[in-house]
PDB file of all heavy atoms in Angstrom:
ATOM      1  N   VAL A   1       0.858  -1.183  -0.011  1.00  0.00           N
ATOM      2  CA  VAL A   1      -0.024  -0.009  -0.001  1.00  0.00           C
ATOM      3  C   VAL A   1       0.882   1.217   0.001  1.00  0.00           C
ATOM      4  O   VAL A   1       1.809   1.316   0.756  1.00  0.00           O
ATOM      5  CB  VAL A   1      -0.971   0.034   1.260  1.00  0.00           C
ATOM      6  CG1 VAL A   1      -1.714   1.375   1.310  1.00  0.00           C
ATOM      7  CG2 VAL A   1      -1.930  -1.092   1.159  1.00  0.00           C
ATOM      8  N   GLN A   2       0.537   2.214  -0.853  1.00  0.00           N
ATOM      9  CA  GLN A   2       1.140   3.504  -0.879  1.00  0.00           C
ATOM     10  C   GLN A   2       0.100   4.546  -0.873  1.00  0.00           C
ATOM     11  O   GLN A   2      -0.957   4.421  -1.558  1.00  0.00           O
ATOM     12  CB  GLN A   2       2.057   3.713  -2.161  1.00  0.00           C
ATOM     13  CG  GLN A   2       3.266   2.782  -2.204  1.00  0.00           C
ATOM     14  CD  GLN A   2       3.001   1.549  -3.050  1.00  0.00           C
ATOM     15  OE1 GLN A   2       2.333   1.653  -4.099  1.00  0.00           O
ATOM     16  NE2 GLN A   2       3.575   0.449  -2.614  1.00  0.00           N
ATOM     17  N   VAL A   3       0.299   5.696  -0.152  1.00  0.00           N
ATOM     18  CA  VAL A   3      -0.560   6.835  -0.140  1.00  0.00           C
ATOM     19  C   VAL A   3       0.226   8.118  -0.379  1.00  0.00           C
ATOM     20  O   VAL A   3       1.397   8.181   0.030  1.00  0.00           O
ATOM     21  CB  VAL A   3      -1.379   6.896   1.147  1.00  0.00           C
ATOM     22  CG1 VAL A   3      -2.242   5.672   1.407  1.00  0.00           C
ATOM     23  CG2 VAL A   3      -0.523   7.239   2.311  1.00  0.00           C
ATOM     24  N   VAL A   4      -0.449   9.072  -0.989  1.00  0.00           N
ATOM     25  CA  VAL A   4       0.104  10.419  -1.133  1.00  0.00           C
ATOM     26  C   VAL A   4      -1.019  11.338  -0.580  1.00  0.00           C
ATOM     27  O   VAL A   4      -2.036  11.481  -1.150  1.00  0.00           O
ATOM     28  CB  VAL A   4       0.441  10.786  -2.576  1.00  0.00           C
ATOM     29  CG1 VAL A   4       0.978  12.230  -2.604  1.00  0.00           C
ATOM     30  CG2 VAL A   4       1.472   9.813  -3.135  1.00  0.00           C
ATOM     31  N   LEU A   5      -0.742  11.942   0.596  1.00  0.00           N
ATOM     32  CA  LEU A   5      -1.725  12.757   1.170  1.00  0.00           C
ATOM     33  C   LEU A   5      -2.122  13.985   0.316  1.00  0.00           C
ATOM     34  O   LEU A   5      -3.235  14.399   0.209  1.00  0.00           O
ATOM     35  CB  LEU A   5      -1.329  13.297   2.575  1.00  0.00           C
ATOM     36  CG  LEU A   5      -1.220  12.272   3.653  1.00  0.00           C
ATOM     37  CD1 LEU A   5      -0.878  13.033   5.018  1.00  0.00           C
ATOM     38  CD2 LEU A   5      -2.418  11.352   3.816  1.00  0.00           C
ATOM     39  N   ASP A   6      -1.075  14.582  -0.288  1.00  0.00           N
ATOM     40  CA  ASP A   6      -1.279  15.769  -1.078  1.00  0.00           C
ATOM     41  C   ASP A   6      -1.451  15.436  -2.563  1.00  0.00           C
ATOM     42  O   ASP A   6      -0.752  15.994  -3.428  1.00  0.00           O
ATOM     43  CB  ASP A   6      -0.058  16.718  -0.912  1.00  0.00           C
ATOM     44  CG  ASP A   6       0.226  17.014   0.589  1.00  0.00           C
ATOM     45  OD1 ASP A   6      -0.731  17.576   1.267  1.00  0.00           O
ATOM     46  OD2 ASP A   6       1.245  16.603   1.078  1.00  0.00           O
ATOM     47  N   GLY A   7      -2.389  14.553  -2.798  1.00  0.00           N
ATOM     48  CA  GLY A   7      -2.575  14.017  -4.099  1.00  0.00           C
ATOM     49  C   GLY A   7      -3.757  14.653  -4.832  1.00  0.00           C
ATOM     50  O   GLY A   7      -4.231  15.729  -4.489  1.00  0.00           O
ATOM     51  N   THR A   8      -4.362  13.885  -5.842  1.00  0.00           N
ATOM     52  CA  THR A   8      -5.439  14.344  -6.591  1.00  0.00           C
ATOM     53  C   THR A   8      -6.579  13.260  -6.664  1.00  0.00           C
ATOM     54  O   THR A   8      -7.527  13.455  -7.398  1.00  0.00           O
ATOM     55  CB  THR A   8      -5.003  14.776  -8.006  1.00  0.00           C
ATOM     56  OG1 THR A   8      -4.456  13.601  -8.626  1.00  0.00           O
ATOM     57  CG2 THR A   8      -4.042  15.898  -7.995  1.00  0.00           C
ATOM     58  N   GLY A   9      -6.459  12.250  -5.797  1.00  0.00           N
ATOM     59  CA  GLY A   9      -7.452  11.172  -5.806  1.00  0.00           C
ATOM     60  C   GLY A   9      -7.208  10.133  -6.866  1.00  0.00           C
ATOM     61  O   GLY A   9      -8.170   9.504  -7.410  1.00  0.00           O
ATOM     62  N   VAL A  10      -5.951   9.960  -7.224  1.00  0.00           N
ATOM     63  CA  VAL A  10      -5.599   8.848  -8.231  1.00  0.00           C
ATOM     64  C   VAL A  10      -5.524   7.511  -7.475  1.00  0.00           C
ATOM     65  O   VAL A  10      -4.881   7.490  -6.368  1.00  0.00           O
ATOM     66  CB  VAL A  10      -4.305   9.214  -8.895  1.00  0.00           C
ATOM     67  CG1 VAL A  10      -3.862   8.005  -9.822  1.00  0.00           C
ATOM     68  CG2 VAL A  10      -4.450  10.453  -9.708  1.00  0.00           C
ATOM     69  N   PHE A  11      -6.082   6.489  -8.005  1.00  0.00           N
ATOM     70  CA  PHE A  11      -6.048   5.201  -7.336  1.00  0.00           C
ATOM     71  C   PHE A  11      -5.751   4.035  -8.220  1.00  0.00           C
ATOM     72  O   PHE A  11      -5.975   4.084  -9.489  1.00  0.00           O
ATOM     73  CB  PHE A  11      -7.449   4.937  -6.686  1.00  0.00           C
ATOM     74  CG  PHE A  11      -8.560   5.036  -7.573  1.00  0.00           C
ATOM     75  CD1 PHE A  11      -8.976   4.021  -8.430  1.00  0.00           C
ATOM     76  CD2 PHE A  11      -9.358   6.187  -7.539  1.00  0.00           C
ATOM     77  CE1 PHE A  11     -10.036   4.164  -9.268  1.00  0.00           C
ATOM     78  CE2 PHE A  11     -10.472   6.342  -8.455  1.00  0.00           C
ATOM     79  CZ  PHE A  11     -10.794   5.277  -9.294  1.00  0.00           C
ATOM     80  N   ASP A  12      -5.123   3.030  -7.670  1.00  0.00           N
ATOM     81  CA  ASP A  12      -4.864   1.709  -8.380  1.00  0.00           C
ATOM     82  C   ASP A  12      -5.092   0.683  -7.311  1.00  0.00           C
ATOM     83  O   ASP A  12      -4.226   0.436  -6.449  1.00  0.00           O
ATOM     84  CB  ASP A  12      -3.506   1.717  -8.910  1.00  0.00           C
ATOM     85  CG  ASP A  12      -3.142   0.398  -9.666  1.00  0.00           C
ATOM     86  OD1 ASP A  12      -4.042  -0.385  -9.867  1.00  0.00           O
ATOM     87  OD2 ASP A  12      -1.921   0.221  -9.964  1.00  0.00           O
ATOM     88  N   VAL A  13      -6.248   0.060  -7.265  1.00  0.00           N
ATOM     89  CA  VAL A  13      -6.668  -0.819  -6.193  1.00  0.00           C
ATOM     90  C   VAL A  13      -6.988  -2.213  -6.670  1.00  0.00           C
ATOM     91  O   VAL A  13      -7.815  -2.290  -7.574  1.00  0.00           O
ATOM     92  CB  VAL A  13      -7.832  -0.252  -5.397  1.00  0.00           C
ATOM     93  CG1 VAL A  13      -8.301  -1.111  -4.246  1.00  0.00           C
ATOM     94  CG2 VAL A  13      -7.570   1.178  -4.855  1.00  0.00           C
ATOM     95  N   ALA A  14      -6.442  -3.230  -6.083  1.00  0.00           N
ATOM     96  CA  ALA A  14      -6.810  -4.646  -6.406  1.00  0.00           C
ATOM     97  C   ALA A  14      -6.637  -5.464  -5.180  1.00  0.00           C
ATOM     98  O   ALA A  14      -5.463  -5.792  -4.732  1.00  0.00           O
ATOM     99  CB  ALA A  14      -5.931  -5.142  -7.541  1.00  0.00           C
ATOM    100  N   THR A  15      -7.719  -5.769  -4.526  1.00  0.00           N
ATOM    101  CA  THR A  15      -7.685  -6.550  -3.281  1.00  0.00           C
ATOM    102  C   THR A  15      -8.159  -7.962  -3.463  1.00  0.00           C
ATOM    103  O   THR A  15      -8.092  -8.784  -2.520  1.00  0.00           O
ATOM    104  CB  THR A  15      -8.608  -5.941  -2.186  1.00  0.00           C
ATOM    105  OG1 THR A  15     -10.000  -6.004  -2.643  1.00  0.00           O
ATOM    106  CG2 THR A  15      -8.195  -4.441  -1.966  1.00  0.00           C
ATOM    107  N   GLY A  16      -8.742  -8.253  -4.651  1.00  0.00           N
ATOM    108  CA  GLY A  16      -9.350  -9.521  -4.878  1.00  0.00           C
ATOM    109  C   GLY A  16     -10.778  -9.554  -4.429  1.00  0.00           C
ATOM    110  O   GLY A  16     -11.505 -10.609  -4.672  1.00  0.00           O
ATOM    111  N   ILE A  17     -11.280  -8.487  -3.852  1.00  0.00           N
ATOM    112  CA  ILE A  17     -12.701  -8.344  -3.485  1.00  0.00           C
ATOM    113  C   ILE A  17     -13.288  -7.153  -4.162  1.00  0.00           C
ATOM    114  O   ILE A  17     -12.898  -6.023  -3.826  1.00  0.00           O
ATOM    115  CB  ILE A  17     -12.870  -8.225  -1.965  1.00  0.00           C
ATOM    116  CG1 ILE A  17     -12.268  -9.402  -1.259  1.00  0.00           C
ATOM    117  CG2 ILE A  17     -14.367  -8.106  -1.589  1.00  0.00           C
ATOM    118  CD1 ILE A  17     -12.141  -9.179   0.264  1.00  0.00           C
ATOM    119  N   GLY A  18     -14.078  -7.344  -5.225  1.00  0.00           N
ATOM    120  CA  GLY A  18     -14.487  -6.225  -6.068  1.00  0.00           C
ATOM    121  C   GLY A  18     -15.181  -5.073  -5.338  1.00  0.00           C
ATOM    122  O   GLY A  18     -14.937  -3.911  -5.595  1.00  0.00           O
ATOM    123  N   PHE A  19     -16.000  -5.396  -4.387  1.00  0.00           N
ATOM    124  CA  PHE A  19     -16.716  -4.335  -3.666  1.00  0.00           C
ATOM    125  C   PHE A  19     -15.902  -3.539  -2.833  1.00  0.00           C
ATOM    126  O   PHE A  19     -15.932  -2.326  -2.693  1.00  0.00           O
ATOM    127  CB  PHE A  19     -17.948  -4.891  -2.905  1.00  0.00           C
ATOM    128  CG  PHE A  19     -18.970  -3.816  -2.549  1.00  0.00           C
ATOM    129  CD1 PHE A  19     -20.033  -3.589  -3.404  1.00  0.00           C
ATOM    130  CD2 PHE A  19     -18.870  -3.111  -1.380  1.00  0.00           C
ATOM    131  CE1 PHE A  19     -20.902  -2.550  -3.101  1.00  0.00           C
ATOM    132  CE2 PHE A  19     -19.786  -2.110  -1.088  1.00  0.00           C
ATOM    133  CZ  PHE A  19     -20.787  -1.866  -1.956  1.00  0.00           C
ATOM    134  N   LEU A  20     -14.849  -4.167  -2.178  1.00  0.00           N
ATOM    135  CA  LEU A  20     -13.884  -3.496  -1.373  1.00  0.00           C
ATOM    136  C   LEU A  20     -13.027  -2.539  -2.286  1.00  0.00           C
ATOM    137  O   LEU A  20     -12.760  -1.401  -1.888  1.00  0.00           O
ATOM    138  CB  LEU A  20     -12.970  -4.499  -0.622  1.00  0.00           C
ATOM    139  CG  LEU A  20     -11.899  -3.808   0.260  1.00  0.00           C
ATOM    140  CD1 LEU A  20     -12.495  -2.948   1.321  1.00  0.00           C
ATOM    141  CD2 LEU A  20     -11.033  -4.942   0.908  1.00  0.00           C
ATOM    142  N   ASP A  21     -12.662  -3.039  -3.428  1.00  0.00           N
ATOM    143  CA  ASP A  21     -11.973  -2.178  -4.423  1.00  0.00           C
ATOM    144  C   ASP A  21     -12.718  -0.937  -4.618  1.00  0.00           C
ATOM    145  O   ASP A  21     -12.225   0.194  -4.632  1.00  0.00           O
ATOM    146  CB  ASP A  21     -11.744  -2.869  -5.731  1.00  0.00           C
ATOM    147  CG  ASP A  21     -10.738  -4.046  -5.638  1.00  0.00           C
ATOM    148  OD1 ASP A  21     -10.126  -4.226  -4.576  1.00  0.00           O
ATOM    149  OD2 ASP A  21     -10.605  -4.747  -6.677  1.00  0.00           O
ATOM    150  N   HIS A  22     -14.016  -1.124  -4.898  1.00  0.00           N
ATOM    151  CA  HIS A  22     -14.934   0.104  -5.161  1.00  0.00           C
ATOM    152  C   HIS A  22     -14.968   1.087  -4.033  1.00  0.00           C
ATOM    153  O   HIS A  22     -14.889   2.231  -4.280  1.00  0.00           O
ATOM    154  CB  HIS A  22     -16.304  -0.532  -5.492  1.00  0.00           C
ATOM    155  CG  HIS A  22     -17.363   0.565  -5.847  1.00  0.00           C
ATOM    156  ND1 HIS A  22     -17.076   1.540  -6.729  1.00  0.00           N
ATOM    157  CD2 HIS A  22     -18.584   0.721  -5.401  1.00  0.00           C
ATOM    158  CE1 HIS A  22     -18.152   2.315  -6.820  1.00  0.00           C
ATOM    159  NE2 HIS A  22     -19.144   1.824  -6.040  1.00  0.00           N
ATOM    160  N   MET A  23     -15.009   0.551  -2.801  1.00  0.00           N
ATOM    161  CA  MET A  23     -15.043   1.429  -1.681  1.00  0.00           C
ATOM    162  C   MET A  23     -13.761   2.158  -1.465  1.00  0.00           C
ATOM    163  O   MET A  23     -13.724   3.398  -1.121  1.00  0.00           O
ATOM    164  CB  MET A  23     -15.461   0.703  -0.436  1.00  0.00           C
ATOM    165  CG  MET A  23     -16.916   0.202  -0.454  1.00  0.00           C
ATOM    166  SD  MET A  23     -18.152   1.528  -0.575  1.00  0.00           S
ATOM    167  CE  MET A  23     -18.592   1.395  -2.315  1.00  0.00           C
ATOM    168  N   VAL A  24     -12.587   1.488  -1.566  1.00  0.00           N
ATOM    169  CA  VAL A  24     -11.347   2.195  -1.414  1.00  0.00           C
ATOM    170  C   VAL A  24     -11.079   3.175  -2.486  1.00  0.00           C
ATOM    171  O   VAL A  24     -10.561   4.271  -2.273  1.00  0.00           O
ATOM    172  CB  VAL A  24     -10.180   1.117  -1.331  1.00  0.00           C
ATOM    173  CG1 VAL A  24      -8.793   1.793  -1.301  1.00  0.00           C
ATOM    174  CG2 VAL A  24     -10.331   0.202  -0.181  1.00  0.00           C
ATOM    175  N   GLU A  25     -11.572   2.875  -3.681  1.00  0.00           N
ATOM    176  CA  GLU A  25     -11.456   3.859  -4.788  1.00  0.00           C
ATOM    177  C   GLU A  25     -12.320   5.097  -4.510  1.00  0.00           C
ATOM    178  O   GLU A  25     -11.863   6.267  -4.742  1.00  0.00           O
ATOM    179  CB  GLU A  25     -11.984   3.244  -6.099  1.00  0.00           C
ATOM    180  CG  GLU A  25     -11.015   2.181  -6.653  1.00  0.00           C
ATOM    181  CD  GLU A  25     -11.613   1.287  -7.684  1.00  0.00           C
ATOM    182  OE1 GLU A  25     -12.779   1.431  -8.050  1.00  0.00           O
ATOM    183  OE2 GLU A  25     -10.902   0.395  -8.220  1.00  0.00           O
ATOM    184  N   GLN A  26     -13.468   4.867  -3.891  1.00  0.00           N
ATOM    185  CA  GLN A  26     -14.313   6.006  -3.516  1.00  0.00           C
ATOM    186  C   GLN A  26     -13.567   6.878  -2.470  1.00  0.00           C
ATOM    187  O   GLN A  26     -13.593   8.114  -2.471  1.00  0.00           O
ATOM    188  CB  GLN A  26     -15.667   5.586  -2.966  1.00  0.00           C
ATOM    189  CG  GLN A  26     -16.515   4.898  -3.927  1.00  0.00           C
ATOM    190  CD  GLN A  26     -17.102   5.844  -5.006  1.00  0.00           C
ATOM    191  OE1 GLN A  26     -17.055   7.065  -4.808  1.00  0.00           O
ATOM    192  NE2 GLN A  26     -17.556   5.315  -6.100  1.00  0.00           N
TER     193      GLN A  26
END
């Protein structure tokens, strides 16, 4: 996992659980 606090809301998420991906992307 990597985060950038001063970002623009760019995401690349793959947990193997589609709905969790959707929520982390939100």
